[in-house]
């Protein structure tokens, strides 16, 4: 008959020595959540920044020329619909082929709604500018991890962490008021550069400040 040992393990002894978490640990955990909030909020906003609604080339329809005359029909996954990126070069002679949208796009959105895509018309041949944003931010985060680590060793972790969180939050507010896509992409990339310090030092704080 196999005997089951009821003696406490090494882990049990350590947990008994540590005891239950106190008010200090809950306070530090709350502060860590406060540090995480603006960064996580900014990260998840990218999904809403880059929503691409239904769109089509801007063209003037009238009683003589309708959508069928102006826009070619394309098929995708067994469905047929008007092209979102081309117009007929000559509405009266479709044999002349198509042309890109030269007068902008119309977006099927509710009044008052907008996104990065609709504001700067980042569709069709310009949609790659949107797809590039997450990758540029990831590269910036890798570079930021190296650079902020050097500054932290030189000036201290606390000062680097506070400054990075401060500027990250400020840049997050500025993103909503920038008139040019190039500036928007630059500020968004800088956010990626600063976000690395949060990931590093939140882990540091968890390991050291929450320890007994």
Protein backbone atom coordinates (compact mmCIF):
# COMPACT_ATOMS: atom_id res chain seq x y z
CA UNK A 1 0.00 0.00 0.00
CA UNK A 2 1.41 3.36 -1.07
CA UNK A 3 1.65 5.97 1.65
CA UNK A 4 0.85 9.57 0.70
CA UNK A 5 3.09 12.09 2.40
CA UNK A 6 1.32 15.02 4.07
CA UNK A 7 4.52 16.90 4.88
CA UNK A 8 4.56 20.46 3.49
CA UNK A 9 6.62 20.98 0.36
CA UNK A 10 9.26 23.67 -0.11
CA UNK A 11 6.72 25.81 -1.98
CA UNK A 12 4.24 25.48 0.88
CA UNK A 13 6.86 26.66 3.38
CA UNK A 14 7.71 29.67 1.20
CA UNK A 15 4.04 30.63 0.86
CA UNK A 16 3.59 30.38 4.63
CA UNK A 17 6.58 32.69 5.13
CA UNK A 18 5.30 35.22 2.59
CA UNK A 19 1.81 35.36 4.04
CA UNK A 20 -1.22 37.06 2.55
CA UNK A 21 -0.86 40.18 0.39
CA UNK A 22 -1.32 43.40 2.31
CA UNK A 23 -2.46 46.91 1.48
CA UNK A 24 0.95 47.80 0.06
CA UNK A 25 0.75 45.03 -2.52
CA UNK A 26 -2.79 46.00 -3.54
CA UNK A 27 -1.71 49.63 -3.87
CA UNK A 28 1.23 48.71 -6.10
CA UNK A 29 -1.00 46.44 -8.21
CA UNK A 30 -3.49 49.32 -8.63
CA UNK A 31 -0.73 51.73 -9.66
CA UNK A 32 0.53 49.21 -12.19
CA UNK A 33 -2.97 49.07 -13.67
CA UNK A 34 -3.01 52.87 -13.87
CA UNK A 35 0.28 52.76 -15.76
CA UNK A 36 -1.07 50.13 -18.10
CA UNK A 37 -4.36 51.86 -18.90
CA UNK A 38 -3.24 54.71 -21.22
CA UNK A 39 -0.87 52.42 -23.10
CA UNK A 40 -3.41 49.64 -23.63
CA UNK A 41 -6.07 52.18 -24.56
CA UNK A 42 -3.79 53.64 -27.22
CA UNK A 43 -2.78 50.23 -28.56
CA UNK A 44 -6.33 49.02 -29.09
CA UNK A 45 -7.39 52.29 -30.74
CA UNK A 46 -5.44 51.26 -33.85
CA UNK A 47 -8.31 48.92 -34.73
CA UNK A 48 -10.72 51.86 -34.80
CA UNK A 49 -8.23 54.24 -36.42
CA UNK A 50 -7.91 52.00 -39.47
CA UNK A 51 -11.49 50.87 -40.08
CA UNK A 52 -12.12 50.84 -43.83
CA UNK A 53 -15.81 51.39 -44.63
CA UNK A 54 -17.42 50.66 -47.97
CA UNK A 55 -16.36 53.18 -50.57
CA UNK A 56 -16.48 54.02 -54.26
CA UNK A 57 -15.00 56.56 -56.64
CA UNK A 58 -16.51 60.01 -56.43
CA UNK A 59 -18.35 60.75 -59.65
CA UNK A 60 -21.34 62.85 -60.62
CA UNK A 61 -24.34 60.76 -61.61
CA UNK A 62 -27.20 62.43 -63.42
CA UNK A 63 -30.36 61.51 -65.29
CA UNK A 64 -28.32 60.52 -68.33
CA UNK A 65 -25.40 58.70 -66.69
CA UNK A 66 -26.00 56.28 -63.82
CA UNK A 67 -23.74 54.02 -61.79
CA UNK A 68 -23.82 51.35 -64.50
CA UNK A 69 -22.37 53.85 -67.00
CA UNK A 70 -19.71 55.23 -64.65
CA UNK A 71 -18.46 52.26 -62.62
CA UNK A 72 -17.28 48.86 -63.84
CA UNK A 73 -18.73 45.76 -62.20
CA UNK A 74 -16.29 43.32 -60.58
CA UNK A 75 -16.85 39.83 -59.20
CA UNK A 76 -15.38 38.48 -55.97
CA UNK A 77 -16.31 35.26 -54.14
CA UNK A 78 -19.27 34.80 -56.43
CA UNK A 79 -20.66 38.28 -55.72
CA UNK A 80 -20.90 41.12 -58.22
CA UNK A 81 -20.62 44.76 -57.21
CA UNK A 82 -19.39 48.09 -58.51
CA UNK A 83 -15.63 48.62 -58.43
CA UNK A 84 -14.39 50.65 -55.46
CA UNK A 85 -11.16 51.78 -57.13
CA UNK A 86 -11.91 52.43 -60.81
CA UNK A 87 -14.18 54.34 -63.15
CA UNK A 88 -14.79 53.90 -66.84
CA UNK A 89 -12.43 56.12 -68.82
CA UNK A 90 -15.35 57.06 -71.07
CA UNK A 91 -18.84 56.49 -69.63
CA UNK A 92 -20.26 56.43 -73.17
CA UNK A 93 -17.68 53.97 -74.54
CA UNK A 94 -16.69 51.23 -72.09
CA UNK A 95 -14.30 49.70 -74.62
CA UNK A 96 -11.75 52.40 -73.72
CA UNK A 97 -11.16 50.67 -70.40
CA UNK A 98 -11.01 52.04 -66.87
CA UNK A 99 -9.08 54.66 -64.96
CA UNK A 100 -8.21 55.18 -61.27
CA UNK A 101 -10.32 57.44 -59.11
CA UNK A 102 -9.04 60.92 -59.95
CA UNK A 103 -11.57 62.87 -57.90
CA UNK A 104 -11.38 61.07 -54.57
CA UNK A 105 -13.76 58.60 -52.96
CA UNK A 106 -17.17 58.50 -51.36
CA UNK A 107 -17.43 56.58 -48.07
CA UNK A 108 -20.61 54.93 -46.85
CA UNK A 109 -20.50 56.12 -43.24
CA UNK A 110 -22.85 57.88 -40.88
CA UNK A 111 -22.65 61.62 -40.54
CA UNK A 112 -19.98 62.65 -38.04
CA UNK A 113 -18.06 59.37 -38.21
CA UNK A 114 -14.49 59.30 -39.48
CA UNK A 115 -11.24 57.36 -39.29
CA UNK A 116 -7.70 57.65 -40.55
CA UNK A 117 -8.83 55.90 -43.73
CA UNK A 118 -11.70 58.25 -44.49
CA UNK A 119 -9.90 61.44 -43.46
CA UNK A 120 -6.92 60.89 -45.78
CA UNK A 121 -8.61 58.51 -48.25
CA UNK A 122 -6.21 55.63 -47.60
CA UNK A 123 -7.88 53.13 -49.90
CA UNK A 124 -7.07 51.32 -53.13
CA UNK A 125 -3.48 52.14 -54.15
CA UNK A 126 -2.91 53.94 -50.82
CA UNK A 127 -4.22 51.21 -48.50
CA UNK A 128 -0.66 49.93 -47.95
CA UNK A 129 -0.01 53.04 -45.85
CA UNK A 130 -2.50 51.73 -43.30
CA UNK A 131 -1.23 48.15 -43.35
CA UNK A 132 2.30 49.42 -42.70
CA UNK A 133 1.52 51.15 -39.41
CA UNK A 134 1.61 48.08 -37.07
CA UNK A 135 4.93 46.88 -38.52
CA UNK A 136 6.58 50.28 -38.24
CA UNK A 137 5.40 50.53 -34.64
CA UNK A 138 6.80 47.07 -33.84
CA UNK A 139 10.23 48.00 -35.24
CA UNK A 140 10.15 51.27 -33.29
CA UNK A 141 9.34 49.32 -30.12
CA UNK A 142 12.39 47.08 -30.60
CA UNK A 143 14.65 50.08 -31.10
CA UNK A 144 13.02 51.83 -28.13
CA UNK A 145 13.74 48.85 -25.89
CA UNK A 146 17.45 49.18 -26.62
CA UNK A 147 17.66 52.97 -26.39
CA UNK A 148 15.54 53.40 -23.26
CA UNK A 149 17.52 50.64 -21.57
CA UNK A 150 20.71 52.61 -22.11
CA UNK A 151 19.12 55.80 -20.78
CA UNK A 152 17.70 53.93 -17.79
CA UNK A 153 21.13 52.68 -16.81
CA UNK A 154 22.51 56.19 -17.10
CA UNK A 155 19.74 58.32 -15.57
CA UNK A 156 17.65 55.83 -13.59
CA UNK A 157 14.64 53.65 -14.33
CA UNK A 158 12.12 55.85 -12.53
CA UNK A 159 12.83 59.00 -14.53
CA UNK A 160 12.87 57.17 -17.85
CA UNK A 161 9.62 55.36 -17.05
CA UNK A 162 7.77 58.52 -16.00
CA UNK A 163 8.96 60.54 -19.02
CA UNK A 164 8.09 57.78 -21.47
CA UNK A 165 4.59 57.35 -20.02
CA UNK A 166 4.05 61.11 -20.02
CA UNK A 167 5.08 61.61 -23.65
CA UNK A 168 3.22 58.48 -24.74
CA UNK A 169 -0.01 59.88 -23.29
CA UNK A 170 0.59 63.34 -24.79
CA UNK A 171 1.25 61.84 -28.22
CA UNK A 172 -1.93 59.78 -27.89
CA UNK A 173 -3.95 62.98 -27.46
CA UNK A 174 -2.15 64.75 -30.33
CA UNK A 175 -3.04 61.91 -32.73
CA UNK A 176 -6.66 63.09 -32.79
CA UNK A 177 -5.80 66.61 -33.99
CA UNK A 178 -3.10 66.09 -36.64
CA UNK A 179 -3.98 67.40 -40.12
CA UNK A 180 -1.40 65.43 -42.17
CA UNK A 181 -1.04 61.66 -42.43
CA UNK A 182 2.77 61.83 -42.46
CA UNK A 183 2.78 63.58 -39.07
CA UNK A 184 0.21 61.11 -37.77
CA UNK A 185 2.38 58.14 -38.80
CA UNK A 186 5.45 59.75 -37.22
CA UNK A 187 3.75 60.37 -33.86
CA UNK A 188 2.26 56.88 -33.95
CA UNK A 189 5.74 55.44 -34.53
CA UNK A 190 7.13 57.46 -31.62
CA UNK A 191 4.44 55.93 -29.43
CA UNK A 192 5.78 52.54 -30.40
CA UNK A 193 9.27 53.68 -29.46
CA UNK A 194 8.08 54.76 -26.01
CA UNK A 195 5.85 51.77 -25.36
CA UNK A 196 8.80 49.40 -24.91
CA UNK A 197 9.85 51.02 -21.64
CA UNK A 198 6.44 50.33 -20.15
CA UNK A 199 6.64 46.63 -20.96
CA UNK A 200 10.11 46.32 -19.50
CA UNK A 201 9.61 48.25 -16.28
CA UNK A 202 6.14 47.00 -15.46
CA UNK A 203 7.70 43.54 -15.41
CA UNK A 204 10.50 44.94 -13.25
CA UNK A 205 8.02 46.44 -10.81
CA UNK A 206 6.06 43.20 -10.61
CA UNK A 207 9.19 41.26 -9.75
CA UNK A 208 10.62 43.63 -7.16
CA UNK A 209 7.88 45.81 -5.71
CA UNK A 210 5.38 42.99 -5.26
CA UNK A 211 7.90 40.68 -3.70
CA UNK A 212 7.72 40.20 0.14
